[in-house]
Amino acid sequence: MRSRFLRWIPAPLLVVGMTASAARAQEGINLNEAENMFSYNVVELRDQLKFGLRVAFPEQEAFVDEVVAKVDSGELSRAMVNVVFVWARKRNPRIPFPYFELVMRLLAEKRGVVFSSGA
């Protein structure tokens, strides 16, 4: 049974209106979470990685600096770094850095980018 308000709206118009609103709601859905994060970058990439990955050692900080340099030079995309960053934090919230480093090295190598600091 329709409510008092909906009783006055013809059924075909009601269905069209509901379909249009559902389509508008789905327009905002994007499968690439990293690209959407790009518009929310209010923190410098170095700070995001250093504090978000819980960098604890000078070697880890050097790797983060190298990642930032490769993003600034255009060798790596910020979106790719964001995807790996989010994945590493979900994988191990307490100690995400080793996961981030491993996957960044693998993905970068597939793109022909080599990091100088050893693993």
Protein backbone atom coordinates (compact mmCIF):
# COMPACT_ATOMS: atom_id res chain seq x y z
CA MET A 1 0.00 0.00 0.00
CA ARG A 2 1.38 3.38 -1.00
CA SER A 3 1.53 6.29 1.39
CA ARG A 4 -0.83 9.25 1.07
CA PHE A 5 1.79 11.31 -0.78
CA LEU A 6 2.75 8.60 -3.25
CA ARG A 7 -0.91 7.87 -4.02
CA TRP A 8 -1.11 11.06 -6.12
CA ILE A 9 1.96 10.29 -8.24
CA PRO A 10 1.20 8.12 -11.30
CA ALA A 11 3.03 4.78 -11.14
CA PRO A 12 5.09 5.28 -14.36
CA LEU A 13 6.45 8.59 -13.08
CA LEU A 14 7.29 7.05 -9.75
CA VAL A 15 9.33 4.27 -11.42
CA VAL A 16 11.16 6.72 -13.71
CA GLY A 17 12.04 8.95 -10.75
CA MET A 18 13.34 6.02 -8.72
CA THR A 19 15.42 4.75 -11.64
CA ALA A 20 16.95 8.18 -12.26
CA SER A 21 17.91 8.60 -8.62
CA ALA A 22 19.49 5.13 -8.56
CA ALA A 23 21.51 5.97 -11.67
CA ARG A 24 22.72 9.23 -10.10
CA ALA A 25 23.76 7.35 -6.97
CA GLN A 26 25.85 4.92 -9.02
CA GLU A 27 27.65 7.66 -10.96
CA GLY A 28 29.85 8.35 -7.95
CA ILE A 29 31.05 4.76 -7.73
CA ASN A 30 34.53 4.32 -9.15
CA LEU A 31 36.52 1.13 -8.91
CA ASN A 32 39.83 2.96 -8.78
CA GLU A 33 40.04 4.04 -5.15
CA ALA A 34 43.53 5.43 -5.61
CA GLU A 35 42.47 7.93 -8.28
CA ASN A 36 39.72 9.17 -5.98
CA MET A 37 42.24 9.59 -3.17
CA PHE A 38 44.27 11.94 -5.36
CA SER A 39 41.73 14.71 -4.83
CA TYR A 40 42.00 14.24 -1.06
CA ASN A 41 45.77 14.68 -0.89
CA VAL A 42 46.06 17.28 1.84
CA VAL A 43 49.19 15.69 3.30
CA GLU A 44 52.55 15.57 1.60
CA LEU A 45 53.33 12.12 0.20
CA ARG A 46 56.46 11.80 2.34
CA ASP A 47 54.51 12.48 5.54
CA GLN A 48 51.71 10.14 4.46
CA LEU A 49 54.14 7.29 3.91
CA LYS A 50 56.40 8.00 6.88
CA PHE A 51 53.65 8.19 9.48
CA GLY A 52 51.08 5.94 7.83
CA LEU A 53 53.56 3.09 7.37
CA ARG A 54 55.14 3.57 10.80
CA VAL A 55 58.66 4.09 9.48
CA ALA A 56 61.09 3.27 12.28
CA PHE A 57 64.56 2.90 10.78
CA PRO A 58 66.81 5.10 8.63
CA GLU A 59 66.77 2.48 5.85
CA GLN A 60 62.99 2.62 5.75
CA GLU A 61 63.05 6.41 5.65
CA ALA A 62 65.54 6.28 2.76
CA PHE A 63 63.18 3.98 0.84
CA VAL A 64 60.27 6.36 1.44
CA ASP A 65 62.39 9.28 0.21
CA GLU A 66 63.25 7.30 -2.92
CA VAL A 67 59.58 6.49 -3.57
CA VAL A 68 58.69 10.17 -3.19
CA ALA A 69 61.49 11.16 -5.59
CA LYS A 70 60.26 8.66 -8.19
CA VAL A 71 56.70 9.98 -7.88
CA ASP A 72 57.95 13.58 -8.23
CA SER A 73 59.97 12.64 -11.33
CA GLY A 74 57.00 10.85 -12.89
CA GLU A 75 58.53 7.38 -12.89
CA LEU A 76 55.82 6.12 -10.52
CA SER A 77 52.25 7.33 -10.23
CA ARG A 78 50.88 8.66 -6.98
CA ALA A 79 47.82 6.49 -7.56
CA MET A 80 49.92 3.32 -7.58
CA VAL A 81 51.70 4.37 -4.38
CA ASN A 82 48.31 5.11 -2.77
CA VAL A 83 46.97 1.68 -3.74
CA VAL A 84 49.98 -0.08 -2.23
CA PHE A 85 49.85 2.18 0.84
CA VAL A 86 46.19 1.33 1.51
CA TRP A 87 46.77 -2.38 0.87
CA ALA A 88 49.78 -2.55 3.21
CA ARG A 89 47.87 -0.83 6.00
CA LYS A 90 44.97 -3.25 5.59
CA ARG A 91 47.33 -6.23 5.40
CA ASN A 92 49.07 -5.45 8.69
CA PRO A 93 47.93 -2.32 10.54
CA ARG A 94 50.62 -2.67 13.22
CA ILE A 95 53.64 -3.10 10.91
CA PRO A 96 52.67 -2.15 7.34
CA PHE A 97 56.06 -1.01 6.03
CA PRO A 98 57.55 -4.41 5.03
CA TYR A 99 54.46 -5.19 2.96
CA PHE A 100 54.56 -1.77 1.33
CA GLU A 101 58.23 -2.09 0.44
CA LEU A 102 57.92 -5.58 -0.99
CA VAL A 103 54.94 -4.79 -3.22
CA MET A 104 56.34 -1.40 -4.31
CA ARG A 105 59.56 -3.07 -5.41
CA LEU A 106 57.67 -5.77 -7.33
CA LEU A 107 55.27 -3.37 -9.08
CA ALA A 108 58.01 -0.86 -9.85
CA GLU A 109 60.22 -3.58 -11.29
CA LYS A 110 57.39 -4.62 -13.63
CA ARG A 111 57.32 -1.03 -14.86
CA GLY A 112 61.09 -0.87 -15.31
CA VAL A 113 61.75 1.27 -12.23
CA VAL A 114 64.57 0.11 -9.97
CA PHE A 115 65.22 1.34 -6.44
CA SER A 116 68.85 1.87 -5.46
CA SER A 117 68.55 1.00 -1.79
CA GLY A 118 68.81 -2.74 -1.19
CA ALA A 119 66.08 -4.95 0.14
